[in-house]
Amino acid sequence: MGIQIIKPKDQASGQFDGGKIKEQKPIGFSGEGSIITRLGPLFYWAWAHSQEPAEIGFHPHQGFEIITYVIHGKGYHRDTLGTESVVQEGGAQLMQTGSGVQHAEALMEPTEGFQIWFEPHLSQAVKRTPTYSQFDSNQFSLVDINDVKIKTLLGNNSPMQTVTDAKMWDVLIPKGTVYTHSLSLGRTLASLAIRGDGTLLSDTIKATHFSHKDFIIVQSEQEERVALQAVDQDLRILVIEVPTEVDYPLYRKPR
């Protein structure tokens, strides 16, 4: 099993609306400075913060499946499909951009959230009609296993489903408690620690420490269990699982 801990200095960063929106990007676009440029079909991952209302004007997308997940605050969306909506705290939106759509975004108050892009087979995706879907927080499954709260955002029985093979969870691990994830051969687990520090260990890896804001990547060479433990305080971590490789060509990001 391979493991990487990517510190914030080796992730990309960006900003919008004159710096009102600031982003830490575990996986950025070309030229933005992230040493990880993709993980299988996981194409882009931005963690955005704004301390005041801010906006991004109309801009186009095509082919990619784009999820926006609001940790706190409110996100506004409108697009050329005629959609106008507000995503509340804990809610998410999915744009399956297909043959092409333009949208505008706004953060209506101090807001924290994620935008994550998954890459389906693009030559097929661009032939599909673009769609927009919105999901409130209470539509997602939230389970408590040994005091660990696991919110399933994507995959399994989530109402939000992508064509791309991908799964995503928002996990809250109390101090001193362990969350265990079973990772199959040929899969990659990518996690971002958004609150607190922790340790990671598996059947084949000794305990490895990671800190708040670190990007943790685990790639399996066999089926095994990955354990994440909160150390000095509660740990909140966003976890994404994708295939390490796919059976279709992936877009090559320009250097």
Protein backbone atom coordinates (compact mmCIF):
# COMPACT_ATOMS: atom_id res chain seq x y z
CA MET A 1 0.00 0.00 0.00
CA GLY A 2 1.27 3.47 -0.88
CA ILE A 3 0.61 6.53 1.25
CA GLN A 4 1.33 10.22 0.68
CA ILE A 5 0.77 13.14 3.07
CA ILE A 6 0.60 16.37 1.05
CA LYS A 7 1.16 19.49 3.17
CA PRO A 8 -0.68 22.74 2.34
CA LYS A 9 2.51 24.27 0.88
CA ASP A 10 2.49 21.55 -1.79
CA GLN A 11 -1.18 22.07 -2.63
CA ALA A 12 -2.46 24.75 -5.00
CA SER A 13 -4.20 27.94 -3.98
CA GLY A 14 -6.50 30.41 -5.68
CA GLN A 15 -8.89 33.28 -5.15
CA PHE A 16 -11.94 34.94 -6.71
CA ASP A 17 -13.80 38.23 -6.47
CA GLY A 18 -10.78 40.29 -5.50
CA GLY A 19 -9.69 37.84 -2.85
CA LYS A 20 -13.05 37.58 -1.08
CA ILE A 21 -13.05 33.85 -1.88
CA LYS A 22 -9.83 32.03 -0.96
CA GLU A 23 -9.19 28.43 -1.92
CA GLN A 24 -6.83 25.69 -0.84
CA LYS A 25 -6.66 23.12 -3.64
CA PRO A 26 -5.45 19.59 -2.92
CA ILE A 27 -5.81 19.03 -6.68
CA GLY A 28 -5.55 22.16 -8.78
CA PHE A 29 -5.51 23.17 -12.41
CA SER A 30 -2.27 23.29 -14.40
CA GLY A 31 0.14 26.00 -13.26
CA GLU A 32 -1.49 26.44 -9.84
CA GLY A 33 1.25 24.70 -7.89
CA SER A 34 -0.26 21.43 -6.64
CA ILE A 35 2.08 18.45 -6.82
CA ILE A 36 -0.98 16.18 -7.24
CA THR A 37 -2.62 16.97 -10.58
CA ARG A 38 -5.24 14.20 -10.53
CA LEU A 39 -6.10 10.88 -8.91
CA GLY A 40 -7.72 8.58 -11.47
CA PRO A 41 -11.02 10.27 -12.41
CA LEU A 42 -10.75 12.74 -9.48
CA PHE A 43 -9.77 15.77 -11.57
CA TYR A 44 -10.02 18.83 -9.26
CA TRP A 45 -10.63 19.57 -5.58
CA ALA A 46 -10.94 23.05 -4.07
CA TRP A 47 -11.68 23.99 -0.44
CA ALA A 48 -13.13 27.49 -0.43
CA HIS A 49 -13.59 30.05 2.35
CA SER A 50 -15.16 33.49 2.35
CA GLN A 51 -15.65 35.85 5.29
CA GLU A 52 -18.22 37.97 3.41
CA PRO A 53 -20.62 37.73 0.47
CA ALA A 54 -18.79 37.10 -2.81
CA GLU A 55 -19.56 36.03 -6.35
CA ILE A 56 -18.18 34.44 -9.50
CA GLY A 57 -19.81 35.49 -12.77
CA PHE A 58 -21.07 33.29 -15.59
CA HIS A 59 -18.51 30.83 -16.95
CA PRO A 60 -18.78 27.64 -19.04
CA HIS A 61 -18.32 23.94 -18.22
CA GLN A 62 -18.51 20.87 -20.41
CA GLY A 63 -18.27 17.13 -19.84
CA PHE A 64 -17.21 17.06 -16.17
CA GLU A 65 -19.40 16.14 -13.19
CA ILE A 66 -19.04 18.94 -10.64
CA ILE A 67 -20.12 18.71 -6.99
CA THR A 68 -20.38 21.69 -4.65
CA TYR A 69 -20.75 20.76 -0.97
CA VAL A 70 -21.46 23.47 1.62
CA ILE A 71 -19.87 22.95 5.05
CA HIS A 72 -21.40 26.12 6.49
CA GLY A 73 -23.04 29.21 5.04
CA LYS A 74 -25.10 29.46 1.85
CA GLY A 75 -24.24 29.07 -1.81
CA TYR A 76 -26.28 30.62 -4.64
CA HIS A 77 -26.40 29.12 -8.15
CA ARG A 78 -27.94 30.10 -11.48
CA ASP A 79 -27.31 28.68 -14.92
CA THR A 80 -28.27 28.73 -18.58
CA LEU A 81 -30.63 25.78 -17.99
CA GLY A 82 -32.92 28.23 -16.19
CA THR A 83 -31.95 27.06 -12.69
CA GLU A 84 -31.81 29.45 -9.74
CA SER A 85 -31.20 27.89 -6.34
CA VAL A 86 -29.64 28.27 -2.90
CA VAL A 87 -27.65 25.43 -1.34
CA GLN A 88 -27.93 25.51 2.44
CA GLU A 89 -25.42 24.32 5.05
CA GLY A 90 -24.76 20.60 4.70
CA GLY A 91 -26.37 20.50 1.27
CA ALA A 92 -24.85 19.81 -2.13
CA GLN A 93 -25.38 20.41 -5.82
CA LEU A 94 -24.36 18.27 -8.78
CA MET A 95 -23.81 19.67 -12.25
CA GLN A 96 -23.45 17.00 -14.92
CA THR A 97 -22.28 19.46 -17.51
CA GLY A 98 -22.64 17.23 -20.57
CA SER A 99 -22.71 19.09 -23.88
CA GLY A 100 -22.15 22.39 -22.10
CA VAL A 101 -23.67 24.82 -19.62
CA GLN A 102 -22.78 28.19 -18.13
CA HIS A 103 -23.37 29.04 -14.50
CA ALA A 104 -22.74 31.79 -11.96
CA GLU A 105 -22.00 31.27 -8.27
CA ALA A 106 -22.24 33.38 -5.15
CA LEU A 107 -21.53 32.93 -1.46
CA MET A 108 -24.34 34.74 0.31
CA GLU A 109 -22.65 35.06 3.72
CA PRO A 110 -19.45 33.82 5.38
CA THR A 111 -19.21 30.37 3.80
CA GLU A 112 -16.98 27.31 3.67
CA GLY A 113 -17.37 24.59 1.08
CA PHE A 114 -15.88 22.31 -1.51
CA GLN A 115 -15.99 22.10 -5.26
CA ILE A 116 -14.93 18.74 -6.65
CA TRP A 117 -14.73 17.64 -10.28
CA PHE A 118 -14.99 14.05 -11.47
CA GLU A 119 -14.11 13.02 -15.00
CA PRO A 120 -16.37 10.54 -16.82
CA HIS A 121 -15.59 9.27 -20.31
CA LEU A 122 -15.58 12.75 -21.88
CA SER A 123 -16.24 11.74 -25.48
CA GLN A 124 -19.48 10.16 -24.26
CA ALA A 125 -20.31 12.79 -21.63
CA VAL A 126 -20.29 15.70 -24.11
CA LYS A 127 -23.14 14.00 -26.01
CA ARG A 128 -25.43 14.09 -22.95
CA THR A 129 -27.87 16.84 -22.04
CA PRO A 130 -26.51 18.89 -19.12
CA THR A 131 -28.40 18.56 -15.83
CA TYR A 132 -28.47 20.26 -12.43
CA SER A 133 -29.51 18.56 -9.18
CA GLN A 134 -29.69 19.91 -5.63
CA PHE A 135 -29.78 18.00 -2.34
CA ASP A 136 -30.54 19.18 1.19
CA SER A 137 -28.46 17.93 4.11
CA ASN A 138 -31.25 15.72 5.47
CA GLN A 139 -31.43 13.78 2.19
CA PHE A 140 -28.05 12.19 2.87
CA SER A 141 -27.61 9.14 5.10
CA LEU A 142 -25.97 9.91 8.46
CA VAL A 143 -24.99 6.94 10.61
CA ASP A 144 -23.27 6.68 13.99
CA ILE A 145 -20.86 3.75 14.29
CA ASN A 146 -19.04 3.56 17.63
CA ASP A 147 -19.51 7.35 18.04
CA VAL A 148 -18.08 8.07 14.55
CA LYS A 149 -20.59 10.02 12.46
CA ILE A 150 -20.47 9.12 8.76
CA LYS A 151 -22.43 11.14 6.21
CA THR A 152 -22.59 9.45 2.80
CA LEU A 153 -22.51 12.10 0.09
CA LEU A 154 -21.81 10.02 -3.00
CA GLY A 155 -22.15 6.35 -3.84
CA ASN A 156 -23.87 3.51 -1.99
CA ASN A 157 -27.47 4.63 -1.36
CA SER A 158 -26.86 8.38 -1.67
CA PRO A 159 -29.48 10.32 -3.66
CA MET A 160 -26.55 12.00 -5.44
CA GLN A 161 -25.10 9.69 -8.08
CA THR A 162 -22.47 10.28 -10.75
CA VAL A 163 -21.65 8.43 -13.95
CA THR A 164 -18.02 8.49 -12.78
CA ASP A 165 -17.09 5.68 -10.38
CA ALA A 166 -16.64 7.67 -7.16
CA LYS A 167 -17.72 7.65 -3.52
CA MET A 168 -17.54 10.42 -0.91
CA TRP A 169 -18.11 10.75 2.83
CA ASP A 170 -18.00 13.52 5.45
CA VAL A 171 -16.67 11.84 8.60
CA LEU A 172 -16.55 13.20 12.17
CA ILE A 173 -14.25 11.19 14.45
CA PRO A 174 -14.27 12.04 18.19
CA LYS A 175 -10.94 12.45 19.99
CA GLY A 176 -9.29 9.09 20.57
CA THR A 177 -11.74 7.25 18.31
CA VAL A 178 -11.00 5.29 15.14
CA TYR A 179 -12.80 5.22 11.78
CA THR A 180 -12.02 2.16 9.65
CA HIS A 181 -12.43 2.08 5.87
CA SER A 182 -12.13 -1.09 3.78
CA LEU A 183 -10.16 -0.33 0.61
CA SER A 184 -10.21 -2.80 -2.28
CA LEU A 185 -7.37 -3.62 -4.65
CA GLY A 186 -6.97 -0.98 -7.36
CA ARG A 187 -8.72 1.78 -5.41
CA THR A 188 -7.43 5.13 -4.16
CA LEU A 189 -8.58 6.86 -0.97
CA ALA A 190 -8.10 10.64 -0.84
CA SER A 191 -8.86 12.56 2.36
CA LEU A 192 -8.62 16.17 3.51
CA ALA A 193 -8.43 16.96 7.23
CA ILE A 194 -10.65 20.03 7.65
CA ARG A 195 -10.72 19.98 11.47
CA GLY A 196 -8.11 18.50 13.79
CA ASP A 197 -5.11 16.19 13.44
CA GLY A 198 -4.94 12.42 13.23
CA THR A 199 -3.02 9.24 12.54
CA LEU A 200 -3.44 6.76 9.71
CA LEU A 201 -2.52 3.09 9.82
CA SER A 202 -3.42 -0.06 7.92
CA ASP A 203 -2.76 -3.78 7.87
CA THR A 204 0.60 -3.06 6.21
CA ILE A 205 1.51 0.52 7.30
CA LYS A 206 2.64 1.73 10.71
CA ALA A 207 0.89 4.72 12.25
CA THR A 208 1.52 7.90 10.22
CA HIS A 209 0.64 11.32 11.63
CA PHE A 210 -1.20 13.97 9.62
CA SER A 211 -2.27 17.49 10.52
CA HIS A 212 -5.14 19.87 9.94
CA LYS A 213 -5.27 20.89 6.23
CA ASP A 214 -3.15 17.92 5.11
CA PHE A 215 -4.17 15.93 2.03
CA ILE A 216 -3.85 12.19 2.63
CA ILE A 217 -3.64 9.70 -0.26
CA VAL A 218 -3.74 5.92 0.12
CA GLN A 219 -3.47 3.57 -2.87
CA SER A 220 -4.09 -0.11 -2.33
CA GLU A 221 -2.04 -3.03 -3.65
CA GLN A 222 -4.35 -5.51 -1.94
CA GLU A 223 -7.63 -5.43 -0.07
CA GLU A 224 -7.04 -4.06 3.41
CA ARG A 225 -8.41 -1.87 6.16
CA VAL A 226 -7.39 1.76 6.57
CA ALA A 227 -7.84 3.25 10.04
CA LEU A 228 -8.05 6.99 10.74
CA GLN A 229 -7.78 8.06 14.38
CA ALA A 230 -8.41 11.48 15.93
CA VAL A 231 -5.65 12.46 18.35
CA ASP A 232 -5.74 15.69 20.40
CA GLN A 233 -9.24 16.81 19.38
CA ASP A 234 -12.16 15.75 17.22
CA LEU A 235 -11.22 15.10 13.61
CA ARG A 236 -13.45 16.04 10.69
CA ILE A 237 -12.30 14.68 7.37
CA LEU A 238 -13.72 14.57 3.85
CA VAL A 239 -13.02 11.19 2.26
CA ILE A 240 -13.22 10.32 -1.45
CA GLU A 241 -12.67 6.89 -3.02
CA VAL A 242 -12.04 6.41 -6.75
CA PRO A 243 -10.44 3.75 -8.96
CA THR A 244 -6.69 4.25 -9.31
CA GLU A 245 -7.08 3.69 -13.06
CA VAL A 246 -10.08 3.72 -15.40
CA ASP A 247 -10.69 1.90 -18.69
CA TYR A 248 -11.20 5.06 -20.75
CA PRO A 249 -8.88 7.88 -21.83
CA LEU A 250 -8.49 10.75 -19.37
CA TYR A 251 -8.04 14.40 -20.29
CA ARG A 252 -4.41 15.41 -20.19
CA LYS A 253 -4.00 18.58 -18.19
CA PRO A 254 -1.67 21.08 -19.86
CA ARG A 255 1.53 21.75 -17.94
